[in-house]
Amino acid sequence: MARGRKSSVEHIIGKLREAEVLQAKGSTIADLSRELGVSEQTYYRWRREYGGLKLDQAKRLKQLEQENTRLKRLVADQALDMAILKEAASGNF
């Protein structure tokens, strides 16, 4: 996998399942990372984030993360608008 390229949730879950099989066969983390084409750090990050999740759960997690990001941006924009209006109303512009 090319450096910096984001993998789909389906791809990650598939790679983690493949890693489980390789581990059951006695492969080390270094070996299975090489086999999967990712760094050990990426493997551990994927396992921490998606390990134990089913595909539908992982997809829902990604959707919720995207919605959360969108809502945070909306709140930040609204807070900025309120600050601008407050400053304009006090005459300090």
PDB file of N, CA and C in Angstrom:
ATOM      1  N   MET A   1       0.848  -1.180   0.000  1.00  0.00           N
ATOM      2  CA  MET A   1       0.000   0.000   0.000  1.00  0.00           C
ATOM      3  C   MET A   1       0.887   1.233   0.000  1.00  0.00           C
ATOM      4  N   ALA A   2       0.559   2.197  -0.807  1.00  0.00           N
ATOM      5  CA  ALA A   2       1.358   3.408  -0.928  1.00  0.00           C
ATOM      6  C   ALA A   2       1.255   4.242   0.341  1.00  0.00           C
ATOM      7  N   ARG A   3       2.324   4.874   0.682  1.00  0.00           N
ATOM      8  CA  ARG A   3       2.381   5.689   1.885  1.00  0.00           C
ATOM      9  C   ARG A   3       1.398   6.854   1.770  1.00  0.00           C
ATOM     10  N   GLY A   4       0.664   7.108   2.867  1.00  0.00           N
ATOM     11  CA  GLY A   4      -0.240   8.231   2.909  1.00  0.00           C
ATOM     12  C   GLY A   4      -1.602   7.978   2.273  1.00  0.00           C
ATOM     13  N   ARG A   5      -1.819   6.818   1.723  1.00  0.00           N
ATOM     14  CA  ARG A   5      -3.098   6.515   1.079  1.00  0.00           C
ATOM     15  C   ARG A   5      -4.040   5.937   2.125  1.00  0.00           C
ATOM     16  N   LYS A   6      -5.245   6.459   2.174  1.00  0.00           N
ATOM     17  CA  LYS A   6      -6.219   5.963   3.138  1.00  0.00           C
ATOM     18  C   LYS A   6      -6.871   4.686   2.637  1.00  0.00           C
ATOM     19  N   SER A   7      -7.006   3.748   3.529  1.00  0.00           N
ATOM     20  CA  SER A   7      -7.656   2.486   3.197  1.00  0.00           C
ATOM     21  C   SER A   7      -9.123   2.550   3.588  1.00  0.00           C
ATOM     22  N   SER A   8      -9.943   1.817   2.851  1.00  0.00           N
ATOM     23  CA  SER A   8     -11.357   1.757   3.186  1.00  0.00           C
ATOM     24  C   SER A   8     -11.538   0.869   4.416  1.00  0.00           C
ATOM     25  N   VAL A   9     -12.651   1.052   5.075  1.00  0.00           N
ATOM     26  CA  VAL A   9     -12.958   0.260   6.257  1.00  0.00           C
ATOM     27  C   VAL A   9     -12.994  -1.226   5.901  1.00  0.00           C
ATOM     28  N   GLU A  10     -13.579  -1.527   4.742  1.00  0.00           N
ATOM     29  CA  GLU A  10     -13.674  -2.922   4.306  1.00  0.00           C
ATOM     30  C   GLU A  10     -12.283  -3.519   4.122  1.00  0.00           C
ATOM     31  N   HIS A  11     -11.394  -2.733   3.529  1.00  0.00           N
ATOM     32  CA  HIS A  11     -10.019  -3.181   3.291  1.00  0.00           C
ATOM     33  C   HIS A  11      -9.303  -3.456   4.617  1.00  0.00           C
ATOM     34  N   ILE A  12      -9.452  -2.543   5.554  1.00  0.00           N
ATOM     35  CA  ILE A  12      -8.786  -2.679   6.854  1.00  0.00           C
ATOM     36  C   ILE A  12      -9.292  -3.914   7.592  1.00  0.00           C
ATOM     37  N   ILE A  13     -10.609  -4.091   7.642  1.00  0.00           N
ATOM     38  CA  ILE A  13     -11.189  -5.251   8.329  1.00  0.00           C
ATOM     39  C   ILE A  13     -10.687  -6.536   7.684  1.00  0.00           C
ATOM     40  N   GLY A  14     -10.634  -6.564   6.355  1.00  0.00           N
ATOM     41  CA  GLY A  14     -10.121  -7.741   5.648  1.00  0.00           C
ATOM     42  C   GLY A  14      -8.674  -8.032   6.002  1.00  0.00           C
ATOM     43  N   LYS A  15      -7.852  -6.979   6.050  1.00  0.00           N
ATOM     44  CA  LYS A  15      -6.435  -7.152   6.405  1.00  0.00           C
ATOM     45  C   LYS A  15      -6.293  -7.641   7.842  1.00  0.00           C
ATOM     46  N   LEU A  16      -7.125  -7.135   8.751  1.00  0.00           N
ATOM     47  CA  LEU A  16      -7.057  -7.589  10.141  1.00  0.00           C
ATOM     48  C   LEU A  16      -7.453  -9.065  10.256  1.00  0.00           C
ATOM     49  N   ARG A  17      -8.449  -9.482   9.494  1.00  0.00           N
ATOM     50  CA  ARG A  17      -8.843 -10.901   9.512  1.00  0.00           C
ATOM     51  C   ARG A  17      -7.704 -11.761   8.960  1.00  0.00           C
ATOM     52  N   GLU A  18      -7.060 -11.278   7.905  1.00  0.00           N
ATOM     53  CA  GLU A  18      -5.918 -11.980   7.331  1.00  0.00           C
ATOM     54  C   GLU A  18      -4.787 -12.067   8.362  1.00  0.00           C
ATOM     55  N   ALA A  19      -4.584 -10.995   9.110  1.00  0.00           N
ATOM     56  CA  ALA A  19      -3.545 -10.979  10.142  1.00  0.00           C
ATOM     57  C   ALA A  19      -3.846 -12.004  11.237  1.00  0.00           C
ATOM     58  N   GLU A  20      -5.124 -12.139  11.595  1.00  0.00           N
ATOM     59  CA  GLU A  20      -5.503 -13.128  12.610  1.00  0.00           C
ATOM     60  C   GLU A  20      -5.135 -14.535  12.152  1.00  0.00           C
ATOM     61  N   VAL A  21      -5.381 -14.823  10.886  1.00  0.00           N
ATOM     62  CA  VAL A  21      -5.047 -16.139  10.330  1.00  0.00           C
ATOM     63  C   VAL A  21      -3.538 -16.356  10.373  1.00  0.00           C
ATOM     64  N   LEU A  22      -2.779 -15.348   9.951  1.00  0.00           N
ATOM     65  CA  LEU A  22      -1.319 -15.457   9.952  1.00  0.00           C
ATOM     66  C   LEU A  22      -0.778 -15.634  11.371  1.00  0.00           C
ATOM     67  N   GLN A  23      -1.361 -14.917  12.333  1.00  0.00           N
ATOM     68  CA  GLN A  23      -0.928 -15.062  13.724  1.00  0.00           C
ATOM     69  C   GLN A  23      -1.228 -16.461  14.233  1.00  0.00           C
ATOM     70  N   ALA A  24      -2.372 -17.002  13.867  1.00  0.00           N
ATOM     71  CA  ALA A  24      -2.731 -18.351  14.302  1.00  0.00           C
ATOM     72  C   ALA A  24      -1.759 -19.377  13.744  1.00  0.00           C
ATOM     73  N   LYS A  25      -1.170 -19.070  12.592  1.00  0.00           N
ATOM     74  CA  LYS A  25      -0.178 -19.962  11.996  1.00  0.00           C
ATOM     75  C   LYS A  25       1.212 -19.752  12.576  1.00  0.00           C
ATOM     76  N   GLY A  26       1.334 -18.806  13.511  1.00  0.00           N
ATOM     77  CA  GLY A  26       2.610 -18.601  14.189  1.00  0.00           C
ATOM     78  C   GLY A  26       3.468 -17.469  13.662  1.00  0.00           C
ATOM     79  N   SER A  27       2.930 -16.645  12.794  1.00  0.00           N
ATOM     80  CA  SER A  27       3.704 -15.517  12.271  1.00  0.00           C
ATOM     81  C   SER A  27       3.887 -14.449  13.339  1.00  0.00           C
ATOM     82  N   THR A  28       5.030 -13.789  13.283  1.00  0.00           N
ATOM     83  CA  THR A  28       5.271 -12.673  14.195  1.00  0.00           C
ATOM     84  C   THR A  28       4.584 -11.435  13.628  1.00  0.00           C
ATOM     85  N   ILE A  29       4.472 -10.392  14.466  1.00  0.00           N
ATOM     86  CA  ILE A  29       3.856  -9.149  14.022  1.00  0.00           C
ATOM     87  C   ILE A  29       4.653  -8.558  12.852  1.00  0.00           C
ATOM     88  N   ALA A  30       5.974  -8.613  12.927  1.00  0.00           N
ATOM     89  CA  ALA A  30       6.819  -8.091  11.852  1.00  0.00           C
ATOM     90  C   ALA A  30       6.551  -8.847  10.549  1.00  0.00           C
ATOM     91  N   ASP A  31       6.438 -10.171  10.644  1.00  0.00           N
ATOM     92  CA  ASP A  31       6.179 -10.985   9.449  1.00  0.00           C
ATOM     93  C   ASP A  31       4.813 -10.690   8.848  1.00  0.00           C
ATOM     94  N   LEU A  32       3.795 -10.638   9.691  1.00  0.00           N
ATOM     95  CA  LEU A  32       2.455 -10.414   9.156  1.00  0.00           C
ATOM     96  C   LEU A  32       2.295  -8.997   8.629  1.00  0.00           C
ATOM     97  N   SER A  33       2.974  -8.027   9.236  1.00  0.00           N
ATOM     98  CA  SER A  33       2.930  -6.660   8.715  1.00  0.00           C
ATOM     99  C   SER A  33       3.523  -6.602   7.319  1.00  0.00           C
ATOM    100  N   ARG A  34       4.643  -7.284   7.149  1.00  0.00           N
ATOM    101  CA  ARG A  34       5.285  -7.343   5.840  1.00  0.00           C
ATOM    102  C   ARG A  34       4.366  -8.020   4.824  1.00  0.00           C
ATOM    103  N   GLU A  35       3.745  -9.109   5.252  1.00  0.00           N
ATOM    104  CA  GLU A  35       2.833  -9.860   4.380  1.00  0.00           C
ATOM    105  C   GLU A  35       1.622  -9.013   3.971  1.00  0.00           C
ATOM    106  N   LEU A  36       1.122  -8.195   4.912  1.00  0.00           N
ATOM    107  CA  LEU A  36      -0.041  -7.350   4.625  1.00  0.00           C
ATOM    108  C   LEU A  36       0.333  -6.091   3.855  1.00  0.00           C
ATOM    109  N   GLY A  37       1.621  -5.763   3.844  1.00  0.00           N
ATOM    110  CA  GLY A  37       2.074  -4.575   3.126  1.00  0.00           C
ATOM    111  C   GLY A  37       1.874  -3.284   3.889  1.00  0.00           C
ATOM    112  N   VAL A  38       1.867  -3.374   5.228  1.00  0.00           N
ATOM    113  CA  VAL A  38       1.731  -2.183   6.074  1.00  0.00           C
ATOM    114  C   VAL A  38       2.821  -2.205   7.131  1.00  0.00           C
ATOM    115  N   SER A  39       3.054  -1.056   7.745  1.00  0.00           N
ATOM    116  CA  SER A  39       4.037  -1.005   8.818  1.00  0.00           C
ATOM    117  C   SER A  39       3.439  -1.611  10.087  1.00  0.00           C
ATOM    118  N   GLU A  40       4.308  -1.958  11.018  1.00  0.00           N
ATOM    119  CA  GLU A  40       3.814  -2.484  12.299  1.00  0.00           C
ATOM    120  C   GLU A  40       2.963  -1.440  12.998  1.00  0.00           C
ATOM    121  N   GLN A  41       3.385  -0.185  12.896  1.00  0.00           N
ATOM    122  CA  GLN A  41       2.633   0.904  13.519  1.00  0.00           C
ATOM    123  C   GLN A  41       1.211   0.974  12.952  1.00  0.00           C
ATOM    124  N   THR A  42       1.093   0.855  11.641  1.00  0.00           N
ATOM    125  CA  THR A  42      -0.223   0.874  10.996  1.00  0.00           C
ATOM    126  C   THR A  42      -1.053  -0.317  11.452  1.00  0.00           C
ATOM    127  N   TYR A  43      -0.424  -1.478  11.507  1.00  0.00           N
ATOM    128  CA  TYR A  43      -1.141  -2.671  11.967  1.00  0.00           C
ATOM    129  C   TYR A  43      -1.687  -2.445  13.367  1.00  0.00           C
ATOM    130  N   TYR A  44      -0.856  -1.965  14.296  1.00  0.00           N
ATOM    131  CA  TYR A  44      -1.304  -1.749  15.676  1.00  0.00           C
ATOM    132  C   TYR A  44      -2.399  -0.685  15.752  1.00  0.00           C
ATOM    133  N   ARG A  45      -2.286   0.358  14.929  1.00  0.00           N
ATOM    134  CA  ARG A  45      -3.307   1.408  14.912  1.00  0.00           C
ATOM    135  C   ARG A  45      -4.626   0.841  14.417  1.00  0.00           C
ATOM    136  N   TRP A  46      -4.576   0.057  13.331  1.00  0.00           N
ATOM    137  CA  TRP A  46      -5.785  -0.571  12.815  1.00  0.00           C
ATOM    138  C   TRP A  46      -6.401  -1.496  13.849  1.00  0.00           C
ATOM    139  N   ARG A  47      -5.553  -2.280  14.502  1.00  0.00           N
ATOM    140  CA  ARG A  47      -6.062  -3.234  15.482  1.00  0.00           C
ATOM    141  C   ARG A  47      -6.712  -2.501  16.657  1.00  0.00           C
ATOM    142  N   ARG A  48      -6.083  -1.383  17.074  1.00  0.00           N
ATOM    143  CA  ARG A  48      -6.647  -0.614  18.183  1.00  0.00           C
ATOM    144  C   ARG A  48      -7.997  -0.020  17.786  1.00  0.00           C
ATOM    145  N   GLU A  49      -8.092   0.491  16.560  1.00  0.00           N
ATOM    146  CA  GLU A  49      -9.301   1.172  16.127  1.00  0.00           C
ATOM    147  C   GLU A  49     -10.400   0.223  15.669  1.00  0.00           C
ATOM    148  N   TYR A  50     -10.026  -0.840  14.957  1.00  0.00           N
ATOM    149  CA  TYR A  50     -11.026  -1.711  14.333  1.00  0.00           C
ATOM    150  C   TYR A  50     -11.025  -3.145  14.839  1.00  0.00           C
ATOM    151  N   GLY A  51     -10.077  -3.510  15.673  1.00  0.00           N
ATOM    152  CA  GLY A  51      -9.996  -4.882  16.146  1.00  0.00           C
ATOM    153  C   GLY A  51     -11.258  -5.298  16.878  1.00  0.00           C
ATOM    154  N   GLY A  52     -11.794  -6.421  16.509  1.00  0.00           N
ATOM    155  CA  GLY A  52     -12.993  -6.941  17.168  1.00  0.00           C
ATOM    156  C   GLY A  52     -14.296  -6.396  16.599  1.00  0.00           C
ATOM    157  N   LEU A  53     -14.212  -5.427  15.697  1.00  0.00           N
ATOM    158  CA  LEU A  53     -15.434  -4.881  15.110  1.00  0.00           C
ATOM    159  C   LEU A  53     -15.827  -5.683  13.879  1.00  0.00           C
ATOM    160  N   LYS A  54     -17.118  -5.820  13.704  1.00  0.00           N
ATOM    161  CA  LYS A  54     -17.621  -6.405  12.469  1.00  0.00           C
ATOM    162  C   LYS A  54     -17.679  -5.289  11.436  1.00  0.00           C
ATOM    163  N   LEU A  55     -17.784  -5.664  10.182  1.00  0.00           N
ATOM    164  CA  LEU A  55     -17.742  -4.695   9.097  1.00  0.00           C
ATOM    165  C   LEU A  55     -18.816  -3.620   9.247  1.00  0.00           C
ATOM    166  N   ASP A  56     -20.049  -4.021   9.569  1.00  0.00           N
ATOM    167  CA  ASP A  56     -21.118  -3.030   9.703  1.00  0.00           C
ATOM    168  C   ASP A  56     -20.871  -2.094  10.885  1.00  0.00           C
ATOM    169  N   GLN A  57     -20.287  -2.610  11.959  1.00  0.00           N
ATOM    170  CA  GLN A  57     -19.960  -1.767  13.113  1.00  0.00           C
ATOM    171  C   GLN A  57     -18.865  -0.766  12.759  1.00  0.00           C
ATOM    172  N   ALA A  58     -17.873  -1.209  12.019  1.00  0.00           N
ATOM    173  CA  ALA A  58     -16.779  -0.329  11.629  1.00  0.00           C
ATOM    174  C   ALA A  58     -17.280   0.773  10.691  1.00  0.00           C
ATOM    175  N   LYS A  59     -18.170   0.417   9.770  1.00  0.00           N
ATOM    176  CA  LYS A  59     -18.739   1.420   8.866  1.00  0.00           C
ATOM    177  C   LYS A  59     -19.522   2.458   9.663  1.00  0.00           C
ATOM    178  N   ARG A  60     -20.295   1.995  10.627  1.00  0.00           N
ATOM    179  CA  ARG A  60     -21.089   2.915  11.452  1.00  0.00           C
ATOM    180  C   ARG A  60     -20.170   3.815  12.271  1.00  0.00           C
ATOM    181  N   LEU A  61     -19.084   3.276  12.788  1.00  0.00           N
ATOM    182  CA  LEU A  61     -18.115   4.071  13.535  1.00  0.00           C
ATOM    183  C   LEU A  61     -17.566   5.189  12.662  1.00  0.00           C
ATOM    184  N   LYS A  62     -17.185   4.868  11.428  1.00  0.00           N
ATOM    185  CA  LYS A  62     -16.658   5.880  10.507  1.00  0.00           C
ATOM    186  C   LYS A  62     -17.710   6.953  10.227  1.00  0.00           C
ATOM    187  N   GLN A  63     -18.961   6.544  10.028  1.00  0.00           N
ATOM    188  CA  GLN A  63     -20.032   7.508   9.777  1.00  0.00           C
ATOM    189  C   GLN A  63     -20.196   8.450  10.963  1.00  0.00           C
ATOM    190  N   LEU A  64     -20.174   7.889  12.169  1.00  0.00           N
ATOM    191  CA  LEU A  64     -20.332   8.709  13.370  1.00  0.00           C
ATOM    192  C   LEU A  64     -19.154   9.660  13.550  1.00  0.00           C
ATOM    193  N   GLU A  65     -17.944   9.210  13.228  1.00  0.00           N
ATOM    194  CA  GLU A  65     -16.774  10.078  13.317  1.00  0.00           C
ATOM    195  C   GLU A  65     -16.890  11.239  12.338  1.00  0.00           C
ATOM    196  N   GLN A  66     -17.353  10.963  11.119  1.00  0.00           N
ATOM    197  CA  GLN A  66     -17.529  12.021  10.121  1.00  0.00           C
ATOM    198  C   GLN A  66     -18.612  13.007  10.560  1.00  0.00           C
ATOM    199  N   GLU A  67     -19.709  12.508  11.088  1.00  0.00           N
ATOM    200  CA  GLU A  67     -20.787  13.370  11.571  1.00  0.00           C
ATOM    201  C   GLU A  67     -20.302  14.226  12.735  1.00  0.00           C
ATOM    202  N   ASN A  68     -19.530  13.636  13.631  1.00  0.00           N
ATOM    203  CA  ASN A  68     -18.986  14.367  14.771  1.00  0.00           C
ATOM    204  C   ASN A  68     -18.077  15.501  14.300  1.00  0.00           C
ATOM    205  N   THR A  69     -17.232  15.230  13.314  1.00  0.00           N
ATOM    206  CA  THR A  69     -16.347  16.253  12.758  1.00  0.00           C
ATOM    207  C   THR A  69     -17.157  17.386  12.144  1.00  0.00           C
ATOM    208  N   ARG A  70     -18.194  17.034  11.406  1.00  0.00           N
ATOM    209  CA  ARG A  70     -19.055  18.041  10.774  1.00  0.00           C
ATOM    210  C   ARG A  70     -19.735  18.918  11.830  1.00  0.00           C
ATOM    211  N   LEU A  71     -20.238  18.292  12.888  1.00  0.00           N
ATOM    212  CA  LEU A  71     -20.916  19.044  13.947  1.00  0.00           C
ATOM    213  C   LEU A  71     -19.947  19.937  14.720  1.00  0.00           C
ATOM    214  N   LYS A  72     -18.739  19.459  14.962  1.00  0.00           N
ATOM    215  CA  LYS A  72     -17.738  20.287  15.643  1.00  0.00           C
ATOM    216  C   LYS A  72     -17.413  21.526  14.820  1.00  0.00           C
ATOM    217  N   ARG A  73     -17.284  21.345  13.510  1.00  0.00           N
ATOM    218  CA  ARG A  73     -17.004  22.470  12.617  1.00  0.00           C
ATOM    219  C   ARG A  73     -18.163  23.466  12.655  1.00  0.00           C
ATOM    220  N   LEU A  74     -19.391  22.950  12.662  1.00  0.00           N
ATOM    221  CA  LEU A  74     -20.580  23.799  12.706  1.00  0.00           C
ATOM    222  C   LEU A  74     -20.616  24.615  14.000  1.00  0.00           C
ATOM    223  N   VAL A  75     -20.313  23.979  15.127  1.00  0.00           N
ATOM    224  CA  VAL A  75     -20.300  24.676  16.413  1.00  0.00           C
ATOM    225  C   VAL A  75     -19.202  25.739  16.434  1.00  0.00           C
ATOM    226  N   ALA A  76     -18.034  25.426  15.886  1.00  0.00           N
ATOM    227  CA  ALA A  76     -16.939  26.397  15.855  1.00  0.00           C
ATOM    228  C   ALA A  76     -17.324  27.604  14.999  1.00  0.00           C
ATOM    229  N   ASP A  77     -17.946  27.360  13.855  1.00  0.00           N
ATOM    230  CA  ASP A  77     -18.390  28.459  12.992  1.00  0.00           C
ATOM    231  C   ASP A  77     -19.423  29.323  13.708  1.00  0.00           C
ATOM    232  N   GLN A  78     -20.342  28.681  14.406  1.00  0.00           N
ATOM    233  CA  GLN A  78     -21.382  29.414  15.118  1.00  0.00           C
ATOM    234  C   GLN A  78     -20.779  30.240  16.254  1.00  0.00           C
ATOM    235  N   ALA A  79     -19.821  29.685  16.970  1.00  0.00           N
ATOM    236  CA  ALA A  79     -19.167  30.422  18.055  1.00  0.00           C
ATOM    237  C   ALA A  79     -18.426  31.638  17.495  1.00  0.00           C
ATOM    238  N   LEU A  80     -17.796  31.480  16.345  1.00  0.00           N
ATOM    239  CA  LEU A  80     -17.102  32.590  15.706  1.00  0.00           C
ATOM    240  C   LEU A  80     -18.091  33.679  15.296  1.00  0.00           C
ATOM    241  N   ASP A  81     -19.205  33.271  14.708  1.00  0.00           N
ATOM    242  CA  ASP A  81     -20.238  34.240  14.330  1.00  0.00           C
ATOM    243  C   ASP A  81     -20.747  35.002  15.546  1.00  0.00           C
ATOM    244  N   MET A  82     -20.959  34.303  16.649  1.00  0.00           N
ATOM    245  CA  MET A  82     -21.441  34.944  17.876  1.00  0.00           C
ATOM    246  C   MET A  82     -20.418  35.934  18.415  1.00  0.00           C
ATOM    247  N   ALA A  83     -19.151  35.573  18.372  1.00  0.00           N
ATOM    248  CA  ALA A  83     -18.104  36.468  18.849  1.00  0.00           C
ATOM    249  C   ALA A  83     -18.034  37.727  17.993  1.00  0.00           C
ATOM    250  N   ILE A  84     -18.166  37.572  16.678  1.00  0.00           N
ATOM    251  CA  ILE A  84     -18.149  38.727  15.773  1.00  0.00           C
ATOM    252  C   ILE A  84     -19.338  39.631  16.054  1.00  0.00           C
ATOM    253  N   LEU A  85     -20.519  39.051  16.212  1.00  0.00           N
ATOM    254  CA  LEU A  85     -21.713  39.849  16.500  1.00  0.00           C
ATOM    255  C   LEU A  85     -21.608  40.566  17.841  1.00  0.00           C
ATOM    256  N   LYS A  86     -21.036  39.882  18.835  1.00  0.00           N
ATOM    257  CA  LYS A  86     -20.872  40.487  20.162  1.00  0.00           C
ATOM    258  C   LYS A  86     -19.920  41.675  20.082  1.00  0.00           C
ATOM    259  N   GLU A  87     -18.830  41.511  19.351  1.00  0.00           N
ATOM    260  CA  GLU A  87     -17.869  42.592  19.207  1.00  0.00           C
ATOM    261  C   GLU A  87     -18.473  43.762  18.444  1.00  0.00           C
ATOM    262  N   ALA A  88     -19.236  43.467  17.395  1.00  0.00           N
ATOM    263  CA  ALA A  88     -19.876  44.523  16.618  1.00  0.00           C
ATOM    264  C   ALA A  88     -20.922  45.258  17.455  1.00  0.00           C
ATOM    265  N   ALA A  89     -21.648  44.546  18.299  1.00  0.00           N
ATOM    266  CA  ALA A  89     -22.680  45.152  19.124  1.00  0.00           C
ATOM    267  C   ALA A  89     -22.081  46.046  20.209  1.00  0.00           C
ATOM    268  N   SER A  90     -20.880  45.724  20.663  1.00  0.00           N
ATOM    269  CA  SER A  90     -20.264  46.543  21.709  1.00  0.00           C
ATOM    270  C   SER A  90     -19.566  47.767  21.134  1.00  0.00           C
ATOM    271  N   GLY A  91     -19.465  47.852  19.820  1.00  0.00           N
ATOM    272  CA  GLY A  91     -18.868  49.011  19.175  1.00  0.00           C
ATOM    273  C   GLY A  91     -17.352  48.993  19.131  1.00  0.00           C
ATOM    274  N   ASN A  92     -16.716  47.860  19.362  1.00  0.00           N
ATOM    275  CA  ASN A  92     -15.243  47.752  19.352  1.00  0.00           C
ATOM    276  C   ASN A  92     -14.726  47.224  18.027  1.00  0.00           C
ATOM    277  N   PHE A  93     -15.062  47.853  16.969  1.00  0.00           N
ATOM    278  CA  PHE A  93     -14.599  47.369  15.669  1.00  0.00           C
ATOM    279  C   PHE A  93     -13.875  48.400  14.896  1.00  0.00           C
TER     280      PHE A  93
END
